């Protein structure tokens, strides 16, 4: 058993990993979903980047509702958005939803 000790508390890492598995439902076709979502890695969806009141930045793909993430800089937010895009697509495929195509004639990056 491996204990992780933090200044505030300690916990059994092995027990925690087992508990996390109860809350994560991995589809039976997980490998297929990963493969299919990876096919979208090079699909360029328009990106909107906006400054946040706290000084951070929010990047999102308007074509993929709810696909957004923040970063300390516009560049960091856009870089992190790529992995969020693949996660969004994975979840949509797992739910049986259609993946929207990027809007034509829309600039690929816009900063507000």
PDB file of N, CA and C in Angstrom:
ATOM      1  N   UNK A   1       0.842  -1.164   0.000  1.00  0.00           N
ATOM      2  CA  UNK A   1       0.000   0.000   0.000  1.00  0.00           C
ATOM      3  C   UNK A   1       0.894   1.237   0.000  1.00  0.00           C
ATOM      4  N   UNK A   2       0.570   2.188  -0.856  1.00  0.00           N
ATOM      5  CA  UNK A   2       1.346   3.420  -0.948  1.00  0.00           C
ATOM      6  C   UNK A   2       0.501   4.573  -0.413  1.00  0.00           C
ATOM      7  N   UNK A   3       1.009   5.279   0.549  1.00  0.00           N
ATOM      8  CA  UNK A   3       0.316   6.441   1.100  1.00  0.00           C
ATOM      9  C   UNK A   3       0.911   7.699   0.515  1.00  0.00           C
ATOM     10  N   UNK A   4       0.037   8.597   0.150  1.00  0.00           N
ATOM     11  CA  UNK A   4       0.482   9.907  -0.303  1.00  0.00           C
ATOM     12  C   UNK A   4       0.155  10.878   0.816  1.00  0.00           C
ATOM     13  N   UNK A   5       1.155  11.610   1.258  1.00  0.00           N
ATOM     14  CA  UNK A   5       0.954  12.526   2.374  1.00  0.00           C
ATOM     15  C   UNK A   5       1.090  13.950   1.870  1.00  0.00           C
ATOM     16  N   UNK A   6       0.105  14.717   2.155  1.00  0.00           N
ATOM     17  CA  UNK A   6       0.059  16.124   1.819  1.00  0.00           C
ATOM     18  C   UNK A   6       0.041  16.873   3.150  1.00  0.00           C
ATOM     19  N   UNK A   7       0.372  18.116   3.150  1.00  0.00           N
ATOM     20  CA  UNK A   7       0.333  18.879   4.396  1.00  0.00           C
ATOM     21  C   UNK A   7      -1.043  18.853   5.042  1.00  0.00           C
ATOM     22  N   UNK A   8      -2.094  18.770   4.247  1.00  0.00           N
ATOM     23  CA  UNK A   8      -3.448  18.842   4.776  1.00  0.00           C
ATOM     24  C   UNK A   8      -4.002  17.466   5.156  1.00  0.00           C
ATOM     25  N   UNK A   9      -3.679  16.414   4.392  1.00  0.00           N
ATOM     26  CA  UNK A   9      -4.254  15.103   4.648  1.00  0.00           C
ATOM     27  C   UNK A   9      -3.433  14.027   3.966  1.00  0.00           C
ATOM     28  N   UNK A  10      -3.735  12.760   4.279  1.00  0.00           N
ATOM     29  CA  UNK A  10      -3.073  11.643   3.610  1.00  0.00           C
ATOM     30  C   UNK A  10      -4.139  10.649   3.161  1.00  0.00           C
ATOM     31  N   UNK A  11      -3.835   9.915   2.104  1.00  0.00           N
ATOM     32  CA  UNK A  11      -4.787   8.936   1.613  1.00  0.00           C
ATOM     33  C   UNK A  11      -4.050   7.775   0.969  1.00  0.00           C
ATOM     34  N   UNK A  12      -4.758   6.670   0.841  1.00  0.00           N
ATOM     35  CA  UNK A  12      -4.242   5.459   0.227  1.00  0.00           C
ATOM     36  C   UNK A  12      -4.472   5.561  -1.277  1.00  0.00           C
ATOM     37  N   UNK A  13      -3.396   5.699  -2.041  1.00  0.00           N
ATOM     38  CA  UNK A  13      -3.501   5.890  -3.486  1.00  0.00           C
ATOM     39  C   UNK A  13      -4.194   4.711  -4.161  1.00  0.00           C
ATOM     40  N   UNK A  14      -3.906   3.485  -3.749  1.00  0.00           N
ATOM     41  CA  UNK A  14      -4.519   2.312  -4.365  1.00  0.00           C
ATOM     42  C   UNK A  14      -6.029   2.302  -4.141  1.00  0.00           C
ATOM     43  N   UNK A  15      -6.466   2.664  -2.949  1.00  0.00           N
ATOM     44  CA  UNK A  15      -7.902   2.714  -2.668  1.00  0.00           C
ATOM     45  C   UNK A  15      -8.563   3.797  -3.503  1.00  0.00           C
ATOM     46  N   UNK A  16      -7.897   4.922  -3.649  1.00  0.00           N
ATOM     47  CA  UNK A  16      -8.450   6.017  -4.431  1.00  0.00           C
ATOM     48  C   UNK A  16      -8.624   5.597  -5.884  1.00  0.00           C
ATOM     49  N   UNK A  17      -7.626   4.922  -6.447  1.00  0.00           N
ATOM     50  CA  UNK A  17      -7.725   4.491  -7.837  1.00  0.00           C
ATOM     51  C   UNK A  17      -8.900   3.542  -8.029  1.00  0.00           C
ATOM     52  N   UNK A  18      -9.120   2.649  -7.093  1.00  0.00           N
ATOM     53  CA  UNK A  18     -10.258   1.742  -7.184  1.00  0.00           C
ATOM     54  C   UNK A  18     -11.573   2.488  -7.108  1.00  0.00           C
ATOM     55  N   UNK A  19     -11.653   3.500  -6.261  1.00  0.00           N
ATOM     56  CA  UNK A  19     -12.883   4.287  -6.130  1.00  0.00           C
ATOM     57  C   UNK A  19     -13.164   5.095  -7.386  1.00  0.00           C
ATOM     58  N   UNK A  20     -12.139   5.627  -7.998  1.00  0.00           N
ATOM     59  CA  UNK A  20     -12.334   6.419  -9.210  1.00  0.00           C
ATOM     60  C   UNK A  20     -12.954   5.561 -10.300  1.00  0.00           C
ATOM     61  N   UNK A  21     -12.554   4.313 -10.402  1.00  0.00           N
ATOM     62  CA  UNK A  21     -13.097   3.423 -11.421  1.00  0.00           C
ATOM     63  C   UNK A  21     -14.610   3.270 -11.308  1.00  0.00           C
ATOM     64  N   UNK A  22     -15.154   3.413 -10.106  1.00  0.00           N
ATOM     65  CA  UNK A  22     -16.602   3.299  -9.936  1.00  0.00           C
ATOM     66  C   UNK A  22     -17.340   4.444 -10.607  1.00  0.00           C
ATOM     67  N   UNK A  23     -16.686   5.584 -10.761  1.00  0.00           N
ATOM     68  CA  UNK A  23     -17.345   6.770 -11.288  1.00  0.00           C
ATOM     69  C   UNK A  23     -17.081   6.998 -12.776  1.00  0.00           C
ATOM     70  N   UNK A  24     -16.196   6.238 -13.351  1.00  0.00           N
ATOM     71  CA  UNK A  24     -15.857   6.403 -14.760  1.00  0.00           C
ATOM     72  C   UNK A  24     -16.408   5.215 -15.523  1.00  0.00           C
ATOM     73  N   UNK A  25     -17.311   5.497 -16.452  1.00  0.00           N
ATOM     74  CA  UNK A  25     -17.880   4.441 -17.278  1.00  0.00           C
ATOM     75  C   UNK A  25     -17.159   4.450 -18.621  1.00  0.00           C
ATOM     76  N   UNK A  26     -16.342   3.440 -18.849  1.00  0.00           N
ATOM     77  CA  UNK A  26     -15.588   3.342 -20.102  1.00  0.00           C
ATOM     78  C   UNK A  26     -16.398   2.489 -21.065  1.00  0.00           C
ATOM     79  N   UNK A  27     -16.743   3.048 -22.229  1.00  0.00           N
ATOM     80  CA  UNK A  27     -17.528   2.268 -23.199  1.00  0.00           C
ATOM     81  C   UNK A  27     -16.768   1.027 -23.659  1.00  0.00           C
ATOM     82  N   UNK A  28     -17.517   0.007 -24.025  1.00  0.00           N
ATOM     83  CA  UNK A  28     -16.896  -1.229 -24.511  1.00  0.00           C
ATOM     84  C   UNK A  28     -16.094  -0.993 -25.776  1.00  0.00           C
ATOM     85  N   UNK A  29     -16.504  -0.012 -26.576  1.00  0.00           N
ATOM     86  CA  UNK A  29     -15.808   0.286 -27.829  1.00  0.00           C
ATOM     87  C   UNK A  29     -14.819   1.442 -27.657  1.00  0.00           C
ATOM     88  N   UNK A  30     -14.233   1.549 -26.487  1.00  0.00           N
ATOM     89  CA  UNK A  30     -13.296   2.639 -26.161  1.00  0.00           C
ATOM     90  C   UNK A  30     -12.188   2.785 -27.205  1.00  0.00           C
ATOM     91  N   UNK A  31     -11.526   1.695 -27.552  1.00  0.00           N
ATOM     92  CA  UNK A  31     -10.414   1.781 -28.504  1.00  0.00           C
ATOM     93  C   UNK A  31     -10.876   2.310 -29.862  1.00  0.00           C
ATOM     94  N   UNK A  32     -12.045   1.879 -30.296  1.00  0.00           N
ATOM     95  CA  UNK A  32     -12.594   2.356 -31.568  1.00  0.00           C
ATOM     96  C   UNK A  32     -12.922   3.851 -31.480  1.00  0.00           C
ATOM     97  N   UNK A  33     -13.478   4.278 -30.346  1.00  0.00           N
ATOM     98  CA  UNK A  33     -13.806   5.694 -30.168  1.00  0.00           C
ATOM     99  C   UNK A  33     -12.548   6.556 -30.152  1.00  0.00           C
ATOM    100  N   UNK A  34     -11.497   6.072 -29.532  1.00  0.00           N
ATOM    101  CA  UNK A  34     -10.225   6.807 -29.528  1.00  0.00           C
ATOM    102  C   UNK A  34      -9.706   6.929 -30.952  1.00  0.00           C
ATOM    103  N   UNK A  35      -9.733   5.831 -31.687  1.00  0.00           N
ATOM    104  CA  UNK A  35      -9.252   5.847 -33.073  1.00  0.00           C
ATOM    105  C   UNK A  35     -10.067   6.816 -33.923  1.00  0.00           C
ATOM    106  N   UNK A  36     -11.383   6.772 -33.792  1.00  0.00           N
ATOM    107  CA  UNK A  36     -12.242   7.658 -34.582  1.00  0.00           C
ATOM    108  C   UNK A  36     -12.049   9.125 -34.191  1.00  0.00           C
ATOM    109  N   UNK A  37     -11.914   9.401 -32.902  1.00  0.00           N
ATOM    110  CA  UNK A  37     -11.738  10.800 -32.484  1.00  0.00           C
ATOM    111  C   UNK A  37     -10.385  11.330 -32.945  1.00  0.00           C
ATOM    112  N   UNK A  38      -9.378  10.478 -32.986  1.00  0.00           N
ATOM    113  CA  UNK A  38      -8.053  10.903 -33.459  1.00  0.00           C
ATOM    114  C   UNK A  38      -8.079  11.336 -34.923  1.00  0.00           C
ATOM    115  N   UNK A  39      -9.033  10.816 -35.690  1.00  0.00           N
ATOM    116  CA  UNK A  39      -9.152  11.206 -37.094  1.00  0.00           C
ATOM    117  C   UNK A  39      -9.494  12.690 -37.235  1.00  0.00           C
ATOM    118  N   UNK A  40      -9.990  13.292 -36.167  1.00  0.00           N
ATOM    119  CA  UNK A  40     -10.354  14.710 -36.191  1.00  0.00           C
ATOM    120  C   UNK A  40      -9.214  15.619 -35.740  1.00  0.00           C
ATOM    121  N   UNK A  41      -8.075  15.049 -35.392  1.00  0.00           N
ATOM    122  CA  UNK A  41      -6.955  15.863 -34.889  1.00  0.00           C
ATOM    123  C   UNK A  41      -6.566  16.960 -35.877  1.00  0.00           C
ATOM    124  N   UNK A  42      -6.577  16.664 -37.156  1.00  0.00           N
ATOM    125  CA  UNK A  42      -6.152  17.649 -38.151  1.00  0.00           C
ATOM    126  C   UNK A  42      -7.313  18.400 -38.805  1.00  0.00           C
ATOM    127  N   UNK A  43      -8.516  18.241 -38.265  1.00  0.00           N
ATOM    128  CA  UNK A  43      -9.662  19.006 -38.769  1.00  0.00           C
ATOM    129  C   UNK A  43      -9.619  20.360 -38.076  1.00  0.00           C
ATOM    130  N   UNK A  44      -9.549  21.414 -38.863  1.00  0.00           N
ATOM    131  CA  UNK A  44      -9.418  22.767 -38.313  1.00  0.00           C
ATOM    132  C   UNK A  44     -10.784  23.408 -38.108  1.00  0.00           C
ATOM    133  N   UNK A  45     -11.201  23.441 -36.857  1.00  0.00           N
ATOM    134  CA  UNK A  45     -12.428  24.134 -36.489  1.00  0.00           C
ATOM    135  C   UNK A  45     -12.072  25.578 -36.139  1.00  0.00           C
ATOM    136  N   UNK A  46     -12.963  26.522 -36.458  1.00  0.00           N
ATOM    137  CA  UNK A  46     -12.705  27.903 -36.050  1.00  0.00           C
ATOM    138  C   UNK A  46     -12.547  27.998 -34.531  1.00  0.00           C
ATOM    139  N   UNK A  47     -11.671  28.899 -34.107  1.00  0.00           N
ATOM    140  CA  UNK A  47     -11.387  29.111 -32.685  1.00  0.00           C
ATOM    141  C   UNK A  47     -11.687  30.559 -32.350  1.00  0.00           C
ATOM    142  N   UNK A  48     -12.404  30.764 -31.249  1.00  0.00           N
ATOM    143  CA  UNK A  48     -12.620  32.104 -30.725  1.00  0.00           C
ATOM    144  C   UNK A  48     -11.891  32.181 -29.390  1.00  0.00           C
ATOM    145  N   UNK A  49     -11.063  33.193 -29.239  1.00  0.00           N
ATOM    146  CA  UNK A  49     -10.307  33.396 -28.004  1.00  0.00           C
ATOM    147  C   UNK A  49     -10.752  34.721 -27.407  1.00  0.00           C
ATOM    148  N   UNK A  50     -11.104  34.699 -26.128  1.00  0.00           N
ATOM    149  CA  UNK A  50     -11.575  35.909 -25.456  1.00  0.00           C
ATOM    150  C   UNK A  50     -10.876  36.071 -24.122  1.00  0.00           C
ATOM    151  N   UNK A  51     -10.598  37.312 -23.756  1.00  0.00           N
ATOM    152  CA  UNK A  51      -9.983  37.568 -22.448  1.00  0.00           C
ATOM    153  C   UNK A  51     -11.046  37.406 -21.365  1.00  0.00           C
ATOM    154  N   UNK A  52     -10.616  36.941 -20.208  1.00  0.00           N
ATOM    155  CA  UNK A  52     -11.495  36.743 -19.063  1.00  0.00           C
ATOM    156  C   UNK A  52     -11.275  37.857 -18.043  1.00  0.00           C
ATOM    157  N   UNK A  53     -12.276  38.148 -17.234  1.00  0.00           N
ATOM    158  CA  UNK A  53     -12.132  39.220 -16.243  1.00  0.00           C
ATOM    159  C   UNK A  53     -10.970  39.007 -15.270  1.00  0.00           C
ATOM    160  N   UNK A  54     -10.623  37.735 -14.985  1.00  0.00           N
ATOM    161  CA  UNK A  54      -9.540  37.454 -14.033  1.00  0.00           C
ATOM    162  C   UNK A  54      -8.156  37.551 -14.659  1.00  0.00           C
ATOM    163  N   UNK A  55      -8.109  37.888 -15.953  1.00  0.00           N
ATOM    164  CA  UNK A  55      -6.828  38.019 -16.633  1.00  0.00           C
ATOM    165  C   UNK A  55      -6.447  36.828 -17.469  1.00  0.00           C
ATOM    166  N   UNK A  56      -7.181  35.730 -17.363  1.00  0.00           N
ATOM    167  CA  UNK A  56      -6.903  34.561 -18.186  1.00  0.00           C
ATOM    168  C   UNK A  56      -7.571  34.699 -19.544  1.00  0.00           C
ATOM    169  N   UNK A  57      -7.497  33.614 -20.312  1.00  0.00           N
ATOM    170  CA  UNK A  57      -8.053  33.604 -21.664  1.00  0.00           C
ATOM    171  C   UNK A  57      -8.899  32.357 -21.852  1.00  0.00           C
ATOM    172  N   UNK A  58      -9.974  32.488 -22.612  1.00  0.00           N
ATOM    173  CA  UNK A  58     -10.860  31.380 -22.921  1.00  0.00           C
ATOM    174  C   UNK A  58     -10.785  31.114 -24.420  1.00  0.00           C
ATOM    175  N   UNK A  59     -10.556  29.857 -24.787  1.00  0.00           N
ATOM    176  CA  UNK A  59     -10.556  29.450 -26.196  1.00  0.00           C
ATOM    177  C   UNK A  59     -11.695  28.459 -26.380  1.00  0.00           C
ATOM    178  N   UNK A  60     -12.425  28.608 -27.489  1.00  0.00           N
ATOM    179  CA  UNK A  60     -13.524  27.683 -27.746  1.00  0.00           C
ATOM    180  C   UNK A  60     -13.717  27.454 -29.238  1.00  0.00           C
ATOM    181  N   UNK A  61     -14.327  26.310 -29.528  1.00  0.00           N
ATOM    182  CA  UNK A  61     -14.738  25.974 -30.893  1.00  0.00           C
ATOM    183  C   UNK A  61     -16.245  26.185 -30.953  1.00  0.00           C
ATOM    184  N   UNK A  62     -16.726  27.275 -31.554  1.00  0.00           N
ATOM    185  CA  UNK A  62     -18.169  27.518 -31.610  1.00  0.00           C
ATOM    186  C   UNK A  62     -18.945  26.403 -32.315  1.00  0.00           C
ATOM    187  N   UNK A  63     -18.323  25.702 -33.242  1.00  0.00           N
ATOM    188  CA  UNK A  63     -19.006  24.621 -33.951  1.00  0.00           C
ATOM    189  C   UNK A  63     -19.236  23.393 -33.066  1.00  0.00           C
ATOM    190  N   UNK A  64     -18.525  23.310 -31.943  1.00  0.00           N
ATOM    191  CA  UNK A  64     -18.642  22.173 -31.034  1.00  0.00           C
ATOM    192  C   UNK A  64     -19.154  22.719 -29.696  1.00  0.00           C
ATOM    193  N   UNK A  65     -20.472  22.790 -29.506  1.00  0.00           N
ATOM    194  CA  UNK A  65     -21.054  23.431 -28.318  1.00  0.00           C
ATOM    195  C   UNK A  65     -20.473  22.918 -27.003  1.00  0.00           C
ATOM    196  N   UNK A  66     -19.977  23.846 -26.208  1.00  0.00           N
ATOM    197  CA  UNK A  66     -19.394  23.505 -24.913  1.00  0.00           C
ATOM    198  C   UNK A  66     -17.932  23.130 -24.966  1.00  0.00           C
ATOM    199  N   UNK A  67     -17.334  23.114 -26.133  1.00  0.00           N
ATOM    200  CA  UNK A  67     -15.923  22.746 -26.282  1.00  0.00           C
ATOM    201  C   UNK A  67     -15.081  23.990 -26.059  1.00  0.00           C
ATOM    202  N   UNK A  68     -14.648  24.180 -24.812  1.00  0.00           N
ATOM    203  CA  UNK A  68     -13.875  25.367 -24.462  1.00  0.00           C
ATOM    204  C   UNK A  68     -12.974  25.070 -23.269  1.00  0.00           C
ATOM    205  N   UNK A  69     -11.943  25.894 -23.131  1.00  0.00           N
ATOM    206  CA  UNK A  69     -10.998  25.756 -22.024  1.00  0.00           C
ATOM    207  C   UNK A  69     -10.282  27.084 -21.834  1.00  0.00           C
ATOM    208  N   UNK A  70      -9.739  27.259 -20.644  1.00  0.00           N
ATOM    209  CA  UNK A  70      -9.032  28.514 -20.362  1.00  0.00           C
ATOM    210  C   UNK A  70      -7.531  28.268 -20.288  1.00  0.00           C
ATOM    211  N   UNK A  71      -6.795  29.357 -20.355  1.00  0.00           N
ATOM    212  CA  UNK A  71      -5.341  29.327 -20.211  1.00  0.00           C
ATOM    213  C   UNK A  71      -4.851  30.670 -19.715  1.00  0.00           C
ATOM    214  N   UNK A  72      -3.599  30.720 -19.328  1.00  0.00           N
ATOM    215  CA  UNK A  72      -3.014  31.975 -18.835  1.00  0.00           C
ATOM    216  C   UNK A  72      -2.754  32.956 -19.972  1.00  0.00           C
ATOM    217  N   UNK A  73      -2.504  32.423 -21.168  1.00  0.00           N
ATOM    218  CA  UNK A  73      -2.258  33.256 -22.349  1.00  0.00           C
ATOM    219  C   UNK A  73      -3.165  32.750 -23.474  1.00  0.00           C
ATOM    220  N   UNK A  74      -3.365  33.578 -24.508  1.00  0.00           N
ATOM    221  CA  UNK A  74      -4.162  33.090 -25.640  1.00  0.00           C
ATOM    222  C   UNK A  74      -3.543  31.840 -26.275  1.00  0.00           C
ATOM    223  N   UNK A  75      -2.233  31.805 -26.362  1.00  0.00           N
ATOM    224  CA  UNK A  75      -1.546  30.662 -26.965  1.00  0.00           C
ATOM    225  C   UNK A  75      -1.759  29.386 -26.142  1.00  0.00           C
ATOM    226  N   UNK A  76      -1.675  29.511 -24.812  1.00  0.00           N
ATOM    227  CA  UNK A  76      -1.883  28.345 -23.952  1.00  0.00           C
ATOM    228  C   UNK A  76      -3.316  27.837 -24.075  1.00  0.00           C
ATOM    229  N   UNK A  77      -4.278  28.748 -24.085  1.00  0.00           N
ATOM    230  CA  UNK A  77      -5.677  28.346 -24.202  1.00  0.00           C
ATOM    231  C   UNK A  77      -5.919  27.629 -25.530  1.00  0.00           C
ATOM    232  N   UNK A  78      -5.374  28.153 -26.623  1.00  0.00           N
ATOM    233  CA  UNK A  78      -5.557  27.511 -27.929  1.00  0.00           C
ATOM    234  C   UNK A  78      -4.882  26.143 -27.973  1.00  0.00           C
ATOM    235  N   UNK A  79      -3.702  26.019 -27.386  1.00  0.00           N
ATOM    236  CA  UNK A  79      -2.988  24.737 -27.379  1.00  0.00           C
ATOM    237  C   UNK A  79      -3.766  23.683 -26.581  1.00  0.00           C
ATOM    238  N   UNK A  80      -4.316  24.088 -25.453  1.00  0.00           N
ATOM    239  CA  UNK A  80      -5.077  23.152 -24.618  1.00  0.00           C
ATOM    240  C   UNK A  80      -6.390  22.755 -25.285  1.00  0.00           C
ATOM    241  N   UNK A  81      -6.914  23.639 -26.120  1.00  0.00           N
ATOM    242  CA  UNK A  81      -8.191  23.388 -26.781  1.00  0.00           C
ATOM    243  C   UNK A  81      -8.126  22.181 -27.713  1.00  0.00           C
ATOM    244  N   UNK A  82      -6.976  21.904 -28.292  1.00  0.00           N
ATOM    245  CA  UNK A  82      -6.855  20.781 -29.219  1.00  0.00           C
ATOM    246  C   UNK A  82      -7.200  19.457 -28.531  1.00  0.00           C
ATOM    247  N   UNK A  83      -6.689  19.229 -27.335  1.00  0.00           N
ATOM    248  CA  UNK A  83      -6.995  17.984 -26.623  1.00  0.00           C
ATOM    249  C   UNK A  83      -8.447  17.969 -26.148  1.00  0.00           C
ATOM    250  N   UNK A  84      -8.960  19.142 -25.764  1.00  0.00           N
ATOM    251  CA  UNK A  84     -10.362  19.224 -25.362  1.00  0.00           C
ATOM    252  C   UNK A  84     -11.254  18.889 -26.553  1.00  0.00           C
ATOM    253  N   UNK A  85     -10.869  19.332 -27.738  1.00  0.00           N
ATOM    254  CA  UNK A  85     -11.624  19.020 -28.956  1.00  0.00           C
ATOM    255  C   UNK A  85     -11.723  17.511 -29.134  1.00  0.00           C
ATOM    256  N   UNK A  86     -10.626  16.810 -28.984  1.00  0.00           N
ATOM    257  CA  UNK A  86     -10.644  15.356 -29.171  1.00  0.00           C
ATOM    258  C   UNK A  86     -11.484  14.670 -28.098  1.00  0.00           C
ATOM    259  N   UNK A  87     -11.437  15.191 -26.881  1.00  0.00           N
ATOM    260  CA  UNK A  87     -12.261  14.640 -25.800  1.00  0.00           C
ATOM    261  C   UNK A  87     -13.739  14.897 -26.091  1.00  0.00           C
ATOM    262  N   UNK A  88     -14.057  16.095 -26.574  1.00  0.00           N
ATOM    263  CA  UNK A  88     -15.433  16.440 -26.927  1.00  0.00           C
ATOM    264  C   UNK A  88     -15.934  15.488 -28.009  1.00  0.00           C
ATOM    265  N   UNK A  89     -15.118  15.257 -29.022  1.00  0.00           N
ATOM    266  CA  UNK A  89     -15.514  14.389 -30.128  1.00  0.00           C
ATOM    267  C   UNK A  89     -15.679  12.949 -29.644  1.00  0.00           C
ATOM    268  N   UNK A  90     -14.782  12.487 -28.795  1.00  0.00           N
ATOM    269  CA  UNK A  90     -14.890  11.142 -28.211  1.00  0.00           C
ATOM    270  C   UNK A  90     -16.235  10.993 -27.506  1.00  0.00           C
ATOM    271  N   UNK A  91     -16.582  11.971 -26.660  1.00  0.00           N
ATOM    272  CA  UNK A  91     -17.830  11.901 -25.900  1.00  0.00           C
ATOM    273  C   UNK A  91     -19.040  11.932 -26.834  1.00  0.00           C
ATOM    274  N   UNK A  92     -18.980  12.769 -27.873  1.00  0.00           N
ATOM    275  CA  UNK A  92     -20.089  12.846 -28.825  1.00  0.00           C
ATOM    276  C   UNK A  92     -20.262  11.512 -29.552  1.00  0.00           C
ATOM    277  N   UNK A  93     -19.160  10.921 -29.975  1.00  0.00           N
ATOM    278  CA  UNK A  93     -19.229   9.623 -30.652  1.00  0.00           C
ATOM    279  C   UNK A  93     -19.785   8.547 -29.708  1.00  0.00           C
ATOM    280  N   UNK A  94     -19.351   8.577 -28.455  1.00  0.00           N
ATOM    281  CA  UNK A  94     -19.832   7.604 -27.472  1.00  0.00           C
ATOM    282  C   UNK A  94     -21.335   7.748 -27.241  1.00  0.00           C
ATOM    283  N   UNK A  95     -21.843   8.988 -27.351  1.00  0.00           N
ATOM    284  CA  UNK A  95     -23.285   9.241 -27.183  1.00  0.00           C
ATOM    285  C   UNK A  95     -24.070   9.007 -28.468  1.00  0.00           C
ATOM    286  N   UNK A  96     -23.364   8.709 -29.571  1.00  0.00           N
ATOM    287  CA  UNK A  96     -24.032   8.477 -30.836  1.00  0.00           C
ATOM    288  C   UNK A  96     -24.433   9.752 -31.566  1.00  0.00           C
ATOM    289  N   UNK A  97     -23.836  10.886 -31.188  1.00  0.00           N
ATOM    290  CA  UNK A  97     -24.157  12.155 -31.840  1.00  0.00           C
ATOM    291  C   UNK A  97     -23.323  12.345 -33.101  1.00  0.00           C
ATOM    292  N   UNK A  98     -23.852  13.127 -34.023  1.00  0.00           N
ATOM    293  CA  UNK A  98     -23.122  13.504 -35.231  1.00  0.00           C
ATOM    294  C   UNK A  98     -22.061  14.537 -34.864  1.00  0.00           C
ATOM    295  N   UNK A  99     -20.919  14.470 -35.499  1.00  0.00           N
ATOM    296  CA  UNK A  99     -19.864  15.460 -35.290  1.00  0.00           C
ATOM    297  C   UNK A  99     -20.070  16.569 -36.322  1.00  0.00           C
ATOM    298  N   UNK A 100     -20.292  17.809 -35.860  1.00  0.00           N
ATOM    299  CA  UNK A 100     -20.491  18.902 -36.818  1.00  0.00           C
ATOM    300  C   UNK A 100     -19.247  19.139 -37.666  1.00  0.00           C
ATOM    301  N   UNK A 101     -19.478  19.566 -38.889  1.00  0.00           N
ATOM    302  CA  UNK A 101     -18.371  19.954 -39.753  1.00  0.00           C
ATOM    303  C   UNK A 101     -18.016  21.404 -39.440  1.00  0.00           C
ATOM    304  N   UNK A 102     -16.755  21.781 -39.648  1.00  0.00           N
ATOM    305  CA  UNK A 102     -16.381  23.188 -39.442  1.00  0.00           C
ATOM    306  C   UNK A 102     -17.167  24.081 -40.394  1.00  0.00           C
ATOM    307  N   UNK A 103     -17.552  25.245 -39.900  1.00  0.00           N
ATOM    308  CA  UNK A 103     -18.264  26.194 -40.753  1.00  0.00           C
ATOM    309  C   UNK A 103     -17.336  26.664 -41.862  1.00  0.00           C
ATOM    310  N   UNK A 104     -17.823  26.658 -43.091  1.00  0.00           N
ATOM    311  CA  UNK A 104     -16.978  27.153 -44.187  1.00  0.00           C
ATOM    312  C   UNK A 104     -16.890  28.676 -44.144  1.00  0.00           C
ATOM    313  N   UNK A 105     -15.830  29.197 -44.688  1.00  0.00           N
ATOM    314  CA  UNK A 105     -15.628  30.643 -44.816  1.00  0.00           C
ATOM    315  C   UNK A 105     -15.616  31.380 -43.482  1.00  0.00           C
ATOM    316  N   UNK A 106     -15.210  30.717 -42.413  1.00  0.00           N
ATOM    317  CA  UNK A 106     -15.073  31.366 -41.108  1.00  0.00           C
ATOM    318  C   UNK A 106     -13.587  31.406 -40.779  1.00  0.00           C
ATOM    319  N   UNK A 107     -13.066  32.553 -40.340  1.00  0.00           N
ATOM    320  CA  UNK A 107     -11.628  32.593 -39.987  1.00  0.00           C
ATOM    321  C   UNK A 107     -11.318  31.531 -38.932  1.00  0.00           C
ATOM    322  N   UNK A 108     -10.150  30.923 -39.061  1.00  0.00           N
ATOM    323  CA  UNK A 108      -9.794  29.852 -38.134  1.00  0.00           C
ATOM    324  C   UNK A 108      -9.475  30.347 -36.732  1.00  0.00           C
ATOM    325  N   UNK A 109      -9.098  31.591 -36.562  1.00  0.00           N
ATOM    326  CA  UNK A 109      -8.808  32.117 -35.229  1.00  0.00           C
ATOM    327  C   UNK A 109      -9.285  33.553 -35.129  1.00  0.00           C
ATOM    328  N   UNK A 110      -9.984  33.834 -34.038  1.00  0.00           N
ATOM    329  CA  UNK A 110     -10.493  35.168 -33.793  1.00  0.00           C
ATOM    330  C   UNK A 110     -10.290  35.484 -32.322  1.00  0.00           C
ATOM    331  N   UNK A 111      -9.701  36.627 -32.020  1.00  0.00           N
ATOM    332  CA  UNK A 111      -9.480  37.028 -30.635  1.00  0.00           C
ATOM    333  C   UNK A 111     -10.364  38.232 -30.330  1.00  0.00           C
ATOM    334  N   UNK A 112     -11.095  38.096 -29.230  1.00  0.00           N
ATOM    335  CA  UNK A 112     -11.962  39.194 -28.771  1.00  0.00           C
ATOM    336  C   UNK A 112     -11.271  39.977 -27.669  1.00  0.00           C
TER     337      UNK A 112
END
